[in-house]
Amino acid sequence: MKRGPVGVIVSTMTDAFETGKAVVEDLTNGSLVADASHKGKERIMEVLGEKGWLIIMHTVSLTSIIVVVVVVVVVVVVVVVVVVVVFY
């Protein structure tokens, strides 16, 4: 387990390279098997659940994306109108 993002790019990048190297080593020496017979994400969720980890899933719907885009557009329009009114 690594420390996760800490705000320092070099630290995060070093952790990522070390993790990638460990995964490649595991694949090479046979301790990690990756093929179509393994369930991928579903198995990871099963293992985490078995270990008692709380799994929080967040799915982003198209509706929520549209709402965010509309809000951003409205804010930009309001800012432009305020700038025009105040400075012209």
PDB file of N, CA and C in Angstrom:
ATOM      1  N   MET A   1       0.846  -1.170   0.000  1.00  0.00           N
ATOM      2  CA  MET A   1       0.000   0.000   0.000  1.00  0.00           C
ATOM      3  C   MET A   1       0.893   1.235   0.000  1.00  0.00           C
ATOM      4  N   LYS A   2       0.626   2.123  -0.891  1.00  0.00           N
ATOM      5  CA  LYS A   2       1.396   3.365  -0.970  1.00  0.00           C
ATOM      6  C   LYS A   2       0.663   4.467  -0.212  1.00  0.00           C
ATOM      7  N   ARG A   3       1.274   5.611  -0.156  1.00  0.00           N
ATOM      8  CA  ARG A   3       0.706   6.717   0.616  1.00  0.00           C
ATOM      9  C   ARG A   3      -0.378   7.476  -0.140  1.00  0.00           C
ATOM     10  N   GLY A   4      -0.478   7.299  -1.456  1.00  0.00           N
ATOM     11  CA  GLY A   4      -1.456   8.044  -2.239  1.00  0.00           C
ATOM     12  C   GLY A   4      -0.937   9.427  -2.562  1.00  0.00           C
ATOM     13  N   PRO A   5      -1.736  10.224  -3.248  1.00  0.00           N
ATOM     14  CA  PRO A   5      -1.274  11.559  -3.630  1.00  0.00           C
ATOM     15  C   PRO A   5      -1.031  12.424  -2.394  1.00  0.00           C
ATOM     16  N   VAL A   6       0.121  13.072  -2.373  1.00  0.00           N
ATOM     17  CA  VAL A   6       0.477  13.909  -1.224  1.00  0.00           C
ATOM     18  C   VAL A   6       0.713  15.348  -1.624  1.00  0.00           C
ATOM     19  N   GLY A   7       0.499  15.665  -2.888  1.00  0.00           N
ATOM     20  CA  GLY A   7       0.692  17.033  -3.342  1.00  0.00           C
ATOM     21  C   GLY A   7       2.069  17.302  -3.905  1.00  0.00           C
ATOM     22  N   VAL A   8       2.933  16.293  -3.866  1.00  0.00           N
ATOM     23  CA  VAL A   8       4.275  16.437  -4.416  1.00  0.00           C
ATOM     24  C   VAL A   8       4.379  15.477  -5.599  1.00  0.00           C
ATOM     25  N   ILE A   9       4.491  16.028  -6.798  1.00  0.00           N
ATOM     26  CA  ILE A   9       4.449  15.216  -8.007  1.00  0.00           C
ATOM     27  C   ILE A   9       5.541  14.153  -8.012  1.00  0.00           C
ATOM     28  N   VAL A  10       6.744  14.497  -7.592  1.00  0.00           N
ATOM     29  CA  VAL A  10       7.845  13.535  -7.620  1.00  0.00           C
ATOM     30  C   VAL A  10       7.554  12.342  -6.720  1.00  0.00           C
ATOM     31  N   SER A  11       7.003  12.582  -5.529  1.00  0.00           N
ATOM     32  CA  SER A  11       6.680  11.483  -4.611  1.00  0.00           C
ATOM     33  C   SER A  11       5.615  10.577  -5.211  1.00  0.00           C
ATOM     34  N   THR A  12       4.568  11.186  -5.728  1.00  0.00           N
ATOM     35  CA  THR A  12       3.483  10.412  -6.323  1.00  0.00           C
ATOM     36  C   THR A  12       3.982   9.631  -7.531  1.00  0.00           C
ATOM     37  N   MET A  13       4.785  10.255  -8.363  1.00  0.00           N
ATOM     38  CA  MET A  13       5.308   9.602  -9.556  1.00  0.00           C
ATOM     39  C   MET A  13       6.231   8.438  -9.172  1.00  0.00           C
ATOM     40  N   THR A  14       7.078   8.629  -8.173  1.00  0.00           N
ATOM     41  CA  THR A  14       7.966   7.569  -7.712  1.00  0.00           C
ATOM     42  C   THR A  14       7.160   6.379  -7.200  1.00  0.00           C
ATOM     43  N   ASP A  15       6.120   6.652  -6.409  1.00  0.00           N
ATOM     44  CA  ASP A  15       5.250   5.581  -5.920  1.00  0.00           C
ATOM     45  C   ASP A  15       4.601   4.830  -7.081  1.00  0.00           C
ATOM     46  N   ALA A  16       4.145   5.569  -8.095  1.00  0.00           N
ATOM     47  CA  ALA A  16       3.501   4.944  -9.242  1.00  0.00           C
ATOM     48  C   ALA A  16       4.471   4.046  -9.996  1.00  0.00           C
ATOM     49  N   PHE A  17       5.707   4.516 -10.195  1.00  0.00           N
ATOM     50  CA  PHE A  17       6.709   3.693 -10.880  1.00  0.00           C
ATOM     51  C   PHE A  17       7.025   2.435 -10.074  1.00  0.00           C
ATOM     52  N   GLU A  18       7.159   2.571  -8.758  1.00  0.00           N
ATOM     53  CA  GLU A  18       7.442   1.406  -7.913  1.00  0.00           C
ATOM     54  C   GLU A  18       6.299   0.407  -7.969  1.00  0.00           C
ATOM     55  N   THR A  19       5.068   0.893  -7.942  1.00  0.00           N
ATOM     56  CA  THR A  19       3.906   0.018  -8.012  1.00  0.00           C
ATOM     57  C   THR A  19       3.848  -0.686  -9.361  1.00  0.00           C
ATOM     58  N   GLY A  20       4.071   0.065 -10.431  1.00  0.00           N
ATOM     59  CA  GLY A  20       4.087  -0.536 -11.771  1.00  0.00           C
ATOM     60  C   GLY A  20       5.156  -1.606 -11.891  1.00  0.00           C
ATOM     61  N   LYS A  21       6.339  -1.327 -11.358  1.00  0.00           N
ATOM     62  CA  LYS A  21       7.442  -2.302 -11.388  1.00  0.00           C
ATOM     63  C   LYS A  21       7.054  -3.567 -10.612  1.00  0.00           C
ATOM     64  N   ALA A  22       6.419  -3.405  -9.459  1.00  0.00           N
ATOM     65  CA  ALA A  22       5.999  -4.557  -8.656  1.00  0.00           C
ATOM     66  C   ALA A  22       4.960  -5.395  -9.397  1.00  0.00           C
ATOM     67  N   VAL A  23       4.024  -4.743 -10.085  1.00  0.00           N
ATOM     68  CA  VAL A  23       3.007  -5.478 -10.848  1.00  0.00           C
ATOM     69  C   VAL A  23       3.663  -6.263 -11.977  1.00  0.00           C
ATOM     70  N   VAL A  24       4.592  -5.650 -12.700  1.00  0.00           N
ATOM     71  CA  VAL A  24       5.291  -6.341 -13.789  1.00  0.00           C
ATOM     72  C   VAL A  24       6.076  -7.524 -13.242  1.00  0.00           C
ATOM     73  N   GLU A  25       6.762  -7.341 -12.111  1.00  0.00           N
ATOM     74  CA  GLU A  25       7.507  -8.444 -11.495  1.00  0.00           C
ATOM     75  C   GLU A  25       6.571  -9.591 -11.118  1.00  0.00           C
ATOM     76  N   ASP A  26       5.411  -9.254 -10.525  1.00  0.00           N
ATOM     77  CA  ASP A  26       4.439 -10.286 -10.153  1.00  0.00           C
ATOM     78  C   ASP A  26       3.911 -11.023 -11.376  1.00  0.00           C
ATOM     79  N   LEU A  27       3.656 -10.299 -12.468  1.00  0.00           N
ATOM     80  CA  LEU A  27       3.210 -10.937 -13.702  1.00  0.00           C
ATOM     81  C   LEU A  27       4.295 -11.847 -14.270  1.00  0.00           C
ATOM     82  N   THR A  28       5.540 -11.387 -14.206  1.00  0.00           N
ATOM     83  CA  THR A  28       6.664 -12.139 -14.763  1.00  0.00           C
ATOM     84  C   THR A  28       6.954 -13.408 -13.974  1.00  0.00           C
ATOM     85  N   ASN A  29       6.914 -13.331 -12.651  1.00  0.00           N
ATOM     86  CA  ASN A  29       7.260 -14.512 -11.845  1.00  0.00           C
ATOM     87  C   ASN A  29       6.085 -15.443 -11.582  1.00  0.00           C
ATOM     88  N   GLY A  30       4.904 -15.086 -12.096  1.00  0.00           N
ATOM     89  CA  GLY A  30       3.750 -15.975 -11.994  1.00  0.00           C
ATOM     90  C   GLY A  30       2.920 -15.825 -10.733  1.00  0.00           C
ATOM     91  N   SER A  31       3.300 -14.915  -9.839  1.00  0.00           N
ATOM     92  CA  SER A  31       2.492 -14.744  -8.619  1.00  0.00           C
ATOM     93  C   SER A  31       1.215 -13.951  -8.886  1.00  0.00           C
ATOM     94  N   LEU A  32       1.144 -13.304 -10.029  1.00  0.00           N
ATOM     95  CA  LEU A  32      -0.054 -12.593 -10.450  1.00  0.00           C
ATOM     96  C   LEU A  32      -0.401 -13.083 -11.853  1.00  0.00           C
ATOM     97  N   VAL A  33      -1.611 -13.604 -12.000  1.00  0.00           N
ATOM     98  CA  VAL A  33      -2.032 -14.146 -13.287  1.00  0.00           C
ATOM     99  C   VAL A  33      -3.096 -13.232 -13.869  1.00  0.00           C
ATOM    100  N   ALA A  34      -2.902 -12.851 -15.114  1.00  0.00           N
ATOM    101  CA  ALA A  34      -3.881 -11.996 -15.788  1.00  0.00           C
ATOM    102  C   ALA A  34      -4.337 -12.705 -17.055  1.00  0.00           C
ATOM    103  N   ASP A  35      -5.550 -13.192 -17.037  1.00  0.00           N
ATOM    104  CA  ASP A  35      -6.121 -13.794 -18.239  1.00  0.00           C
ATOM    105  C   ASP A  35      -7.640 -13.646 -18.198  1.00  0.00           C
ATOM    106  N   ALA A  36      -8.292 -14.079 -19.228  1.00  0.00           N
ATOM    107  CA  ALA A  36      -9.735 -13.870 -19.361  1.00  0.00           C
ATOM    108  C   ALA A  36     -10.550 -14.644 -18.333  1.00  0.00           C
ATOM    109  N   SER A  37      -9.959 -15.651 -17.677  1.00  0.00           N
ATOM    110  CA  SER A  37     -10.718 -16.437 -16.700  1.00  0.00           C
ATOM    111  C   SER A  37     -10.868 -15.719 -15.359  1.00  0.00           C
ATOM    112  N   HIS A  38     -10.110 -14.655 -15.146  1.00  0.00           N
ATOM    113  CA  HIS A  38     -10.207 -13.906 -13.897  1.00  0.00           C
ATOM    114  C   HIS A  38     -11.222 -12.775 -14.044  1.00  0.00           C
ATOM    115  N   LYS A  39     -11.899 -12.459 -12.949  1.00  0.00           N
ATOM    116  CA  LYS A  39     -13.028 -11.535 -13.008  1.00  0.00           C
ATOM    117  C   LYS A  39     -12.674 -10.055 -12.938  1.00  0.00           C
ATOM    118  N   GLY A  40     -11.431  -9.701 -12.739  1.00  0.00           N
ATOM    119  CA  GLY A  40     -11.034  -8.301 -12.740  1.00  0.00           C
ATOM    120  C   GLY A  40     -11.647  -7.507 -11.609  1.00  0.00           C
ATOM    121  N   LYS A  41     -12.335  -6.427 -11.956  1.00  0.00           N
ATOM    122  CA  LYS A  41     -12.906  -5.506 -10.979  1.00  0.00           C
ATOM    123  C   LYS A  41     -13.836  -6.228 -10.008  1.00  0.00           C
ATOM    124  N   GLU A  42     -14.649  -7.150 -10.517  1.00  0.00           N
ATOM    125  CA  GLU A  42     -15.586  -7.860  -9.649  1.00  0.00           C
ATOM    126  C   GLU A  42     -14.845  -8.629  -8.559  1.00  0.00           C
ATOM    127  N   ARG A  43     -13.737  -9.281  -8.924  1.00  0.00           N
ATOM    128  CA  ARG A  43     -12.958 -10.039  -7.943  1.00  0.00           C
ATOM    129  C   ARG A  43     -12.285  -9.110  -6.939  1.00  0.00           C
ATOM    130  N   ILE A  44     -11.787  -7.988  -7.412  1.00  0.00           N
ATOM    131  CA  ILE A  44     -11.172  -7.018  -6.497  1.00  0.00           C
ATOM    132  C   ILE A  44     -12.194  -6.570  -5.461  1.00  0.00           C
ATOM    133  N   MET A  45     -13.412  -6.278  -5.906  1.00  0.00           N
ATOM    134  CA  MET A  45     -14.460  -5.855  -4.975  1.00  0.00           C
ATOM    135  C   MET A  45     -14.793  -6.970  -3.979  1.00  0.00           C
ATOM    136  N   GLU A  46     -14.812  -8.222  -4.450  1.00  0.00           N
ATOM    137  CA  GLU A  46     -15.069  -9.356  -3.553  1.00  0.00           C
ATOM    138  C   GLU A  46     -13.990  -9.454  -2.475  1.00  0.00           C
ATOM    139  N   VAL A  47     -12.728  -9.370  -2.897  1.00  0.00           N
ATOM    140  CA  VAL A  47     -11.613  -9.489  -1.947  1.00  0.00           C
ATOM    141  C   VAL A  47     -11.646  -8.351  -0.933  1.00  0.00           C
ATOM    142  N   LEU A  48     -11.874  -7.133  -1.404  1.00  0.00           N
ATOM    143  CA  LEU A  48     -11.945  -6.000  -0.480  1.00  0.00           C
ATOM    144  C   LEU A  48     -13.097  -6.178   0.507  1.00  0.00           C
ATOM    145  N   GLY A  49     -14.240  -6.652   0.010  1.00  0.00           N
ATOM    146  CA  GLY A  49     -15.375  -6.906   0.890  1.00  0.00           C
ATOM    147  C   GLY A  49     -15.074  -7.977   1.927  1.00  0.00           C
ATOM    148  N   GLU A  50     -14.382  -9.052   1.489  1.00  0.00           N
ATOM    149  CA  GLU A  50     -13.991 -10.123   2.412  1.00  0.00           C
ATOM    150  C   GLU A  50     -13.056  -9.604   3.501  1.00  0.00           C
ATOM    151  N   LYS A  51     -12.238  -8.626   3.173  1.00  0.00           N
ATOM    152  CA  LYS A  51     -11.290  -8.069   4.139  1.00  0.00           C
ATOM    153  C   LYS A  51     -11.935  -6.998   5.021  1.00  0.00           C
ATOM    154  N   GLY A  52     -13.213  -6.704   4.776  1.00  0.00           N
ATOM    155  CA  GLY A  52     -13.922  -5.752   5.606  1.00  0.00           C
ATOM    156  C   GLY A  52     -13.762  -4.304   5.193  1.00  0.00           C
ATOM    157  N   TRP A  53     -13.242  -4.059   3.995  1.00  0.00           N
ATOM    158  CA  TRP A  53     -13.081  -2.687   3.524  1.00  0.00           C
ATOM    159  C   TRP A  53     -14.438  -2.132   3.127  1.00  0.00           C
ATOM    160  N   LEU A  54     -14.660  -0.890   3.444  1.00  0.00           N
ATOM    161  CA  LEU A  54     -15.863  -0.196   3.010  1.00  0.00           C
ATOM    162  C   LEU A  54     -15.626   0.300   1.591  1.00  0.00           C
ATOM    163  N   ILE A  55     -16.473  -0.134   0.680  1.00  0.00           N
ATOM    164  CA  ILE A  55     -16.307   0.229  -0.724  1.00  0.00           C
ATOM    165  C   ILE A  55     -17.348   1.271  -1.079  1.00  0.00           C
ATOM    166  N   ILE A  56     -16.881   2.416  -1.510  1.00  0.00           N
ATOM    167  CA  ILE A  56     -17.762   3.505  -1.905  1.00  0.00           C
ATOM    168  C   ILE A  56     -17.633   3.676  -3.406  1.00  0.00           C
ATOM    169  N   MET A  57     -18.715   3.450  -4.102  1.00  0.00           N
ATOM    170  CA  MET A  57     -18.719   3.582  -5.560  1.00  0.00           C
ATOM    171  C   MET A  57     -19.466   4.861  -5.910  1.00  0.00           C
ATOM    172  N   HIS A  58     -18.928   5.580  -6.859  1.00  0.00           N
ATOM    173  CA  HIS A  58     -19.600   6.781  -7.332  1.00  0.00           C
ATOM    174  C   HIS A  58     -19.680   6.701  -8.845  1.00  0.00           C
ATOM    175  N   THR A  59     -20.877   6.708  -9.330  1.00  0.00           N
ATOM    176  CA  THR A  59     -21.039   6.698 -10.773  1.00  0.00           C
ATOM    177  C   THR A  59     -21.524   8.070 -11.203  1.00  0.00           C
ATOM    178  N   VAL A  60     -21.028   8.510 -12.309  1.00  0.00           N
ATOM    179  CA  VAL A  60     -21.396   9.813 -12.832  1.00  0.00           C
ATOM    180  C   VAL A  60     -22.375   9.589 -13.975  1.00  0.00           C
ATOM    181  N   SER A  61     -23.540  10.157 -13.827  1.00  0.00           N
ATOM    182  CA  SER A  61     -24.535   9.997 -14.878  1.00  0.00           C
ATOM    183  C   SER A  61     -24.422  11.149 -15.876  1.00  0.00           C
ATOM    184  N   LEU A  62     -24.982  10.935 -17.036  1.00  0.00           N
ATOM    185  CA  LEU A  62     -24.999  11.975 -18.056  1.00  0.00           C
ATOM    186  C   LEU A  62     -25.749  13.199 -17.542  1.00  0.00           C
ATOM    187  N   THR A  63     -26.806  12.979 -16.783  1.00  0.00           N
ATOM    188  CA  THR A  63     -27.579  14.091 -16.233  1.00  0.00           C
ATOM    189  C   THR A  63     -26.719  14.963 -15.328  1.00  0.00           C
ATOM    190  N   SER A  64     -25.916  14.337 -14.468  1.00  0.00           N
ATOM    191  CA  SER A  64     -25.085  15.143 -13.566  1.00  0.00           C
ATOM    192  C   SER A  64     -24.025  15.921 -14.342  1.00  0.00           C
ATOM    193  N   ILE A  65     -23.498  15.340 -15.409  1.00  0.00           N
ATOM    194  CA  ILE A  65     -22.527  16.053 -16.242  1.00  0.00           C
ATOM    195  C   ILE A  65     -23.190  17.259 -16.901  1.00  0.00           C
ATOM    196  N   ILE A  66     -24.396  17.071 -17.432  1.00  0.00           N
ATOM    197  CA  ILE A  66     -25.125  18.166 -18.076  1.00  0.00           C
ATOM    198  C   ILE A  66     -25.407  19.280 -17.073  1.00  0.00           C
ATOM    199  N   VAL A  67     -25.807  18.916 -15.863  1.00  0.00           N
ATOM    200  CA  VAL A  67     -26.088  19.918 -14.831  1.00  0.00           C
ATOM    201  C   VAL A  67     -24.829  20.728 -14.524  1.00  0.00           C
ATOM    202  N   VAL A  68     -23.691  20.066 -14.379  1.00  0.00           N
ATOM    203  CA  VAL A  68     -22.446  20.771 -14.092  1.00  0.00           C
ATOM    204  C   VAL A  68     -22.098  21.714 -15.240  1.00  0.00           C
ATOM    205  N   VAL A  69     -22.234  21.266 -16.476  1.00  0.00           N
ATOM    206  CA  VAL A  69     -21.931  22.100 -17.639  1.00  0.00           C
ATOM    207  C   VAL A  69     -22.850  23.314 -17.670  1.00  0.00           C
ATOM    208  N   VAL A  70     -24.131  23.118 -17.436  1.00  0.00           N
ATOM    209  CA  VAL A  70     -25.087  24.231 -17.446  1.00  0.00           C
ATOM    210  C   VAL A  70     -24.742  25.237 -16.352  1.00  0.00           C
ATOM    211  N   VAL A  71     -24.419  24.750 -15.168  1.00  0.00           N
ATOM    212  CA  VAL A  71     -24.065  25.652 -14.063  1.00  0.00           C
ATOM    213  C   VAL A  71     -22.810  26.451 -14.418  1.00  0.00           C
ATOM    214  N   VAL A  72     -21.816  25.804 -14.983  1.00  0.00           N
ATOM    215  CA  VAL A  72     -20.594  26.506 -15.372  1.00  0.00           C
ATOM    216  C   VAL A  72     -20.896  27.573 -16.419  1.00  0.00           C
ATOM    217  N   VAL A  73     -21.708  27.240 -17.407  1.00  0.00           N
ATOM    218  CA  VAL A  73     -22.067  28.204 -18.455  1.00  0.00           C
ATOM    219  C   VAL A  73     -22.805  29.390 -17.844  1.00  0.00           C
ATOM    220  N   VAL A  74     -23.742  29.142 -16.958  1.00  0.00           N
ATOM    221  CA  VAL A  74     -24.499  30.223 -16.313  1.00  0.00           C
ATOM    222  C   VAL A  74     -23.553  31.116 -15.518  1.00  0.00           C
ATOM    223  N   VAL A  75     -22.634  30.525 -14.770  1.00  0.00           N
ATOM    224  CA  VAL A  75     -21.687  31.320 -13.981  1.00  0.00           C
ATOM    225  C   VAL A  75     -20.822  32.178 -14.898  1.00  0.00           C
ATOM    226  N   VAL A  76     -20.351  31.614 -15.986  1.00  0.00           N
ATOM    227  CA  VAL A  76     -19.532  32.382 -16.931  1.00  0.00           C
ATOM    228  C   VAL A  76     -20.330  33.536 -17.512  1.00  0.00           C
ATOM    229  N   VAL A  77     -21.571  33.287 -17.906  1.00  0.00           N
ATOM    230  CA  VAL A  77     -22.414  34.350 -18.472  1.00  0.00           C
ATOM    231  C   VAL A  77     -22.632  35.449 -17.443  1.00  0.00           C
ATOM    232  N   VAL A  78     -22.921  35.085 -16.207  1.00  0.00           N
ATOM    233  CA  VAL A  78     -23.139  36.080 -15.148  1.00  0.00           C
ATOM    234  C   VAL A  78     -21.875  36.906 -14.930  1.00  0.00           C
ATOM    235  N   VAL A  79     -20.723  36.268 -14.895  1.00  0.00           N
ATOM    236  CA  VAL A  79     -19.463  36.988 -14.704  1.00  0.00           C
ATOM    237  C   VAL A  79     -19.231  37.960 -15.862  1.00  0.00           C
ATOM    238  N   VAL A  80     -19.470  37.523 -17.089  1.00  0.00           N
ATOM    239  CA  VAL A  80     -19.287  38.378 -18.253  1.00  0.00           C
ATOM    240  C   VAL A  80     -20.229  39.578 -18.168  1.00  0.00           C
ATOM    241  N   VAL A  81     -21.479  39.348 -17.834  1.00  0.00           N
ATOM    242  CA  VAL A  81     -22.451  40.435 -17.737  1.00  0.00           C
ATOM    243  C   VAL A  81     -22.012  41.430 -16.654  1.00  0.00           C
ATOM    244  N   VAL A  82     -21.592  40.928 -15.514  1.00  0.00           N
ATOM    245  CA  VAL A  82     -21.149  41.821 -14.425  1.00  0.00           C
ATOM    246  C   VAL A  82     -19.947  42.628 -14.872  1.00  0.00           C
ATOM    247  N   VAL A  83     -18.987  42.010 -15.524  1.00  0.00           N
ATOM    248  CA  VAL A  83     -17.793  42.719 -15.997  1.00  0.00           C
ATOM    249  C   VAL A  83     -18.177  43.799 -16.999  1.00  0.00           C
ATOM    250  N   VAL A  84     -19.056  43.475 -17.919  1.00  0.00           N
ATOM    251  CA  VAL A  84     -19.495  44.446 -18.937  1.00  0.00           C
ATOM    252  C   VAL A  84     -20.207  45.612 -18.276  1.00  0.00           C
ATOM    253  N   VAL A  85     -21.097  45.330 -17.343  1.00  0.00           N
ATOM    254  CA  VAL A  85     -21.857  46.378 -16.689  1.00  0.00           C
ATOM    255  C   VAL A  85     -20.944  47.250 -15.830  1.00  0.00           C
ATOM    256  N   VAL A  86     -20.032  46.682 -15.120  1.00  0.00           N
ATOM    257  CA  VAL A  86     -19.177  47.424 -14.200  1.00  0.00           C
ATOM    258  C   VAL A  86     -18.116  48.239 -14.958  1.00  0.00           C
ATOM    259  N   PHE A  87     -17.547  47.683 -15.992  1.00  0.00           N
ATOM    260  CA  PHE A  87     -16.391  48.320 -16.642  1.00  0.00           C
ATOM    261  C   PHE A  87     -16.732  49.070 -17.926  1.00  0.00           C
ATOM    262  N   TYR A  88     -17.949  49.045 -18.394  1.00  0.00           N
ATOM    263  CA  TYR A  88     -18.280  49.775 -19.628  1.00  0.00           C
ATOM    264  C   TYR A  88     -19.393  50.732 -19.444  1.00  0.00           C
TER     265      TYR A  88
END
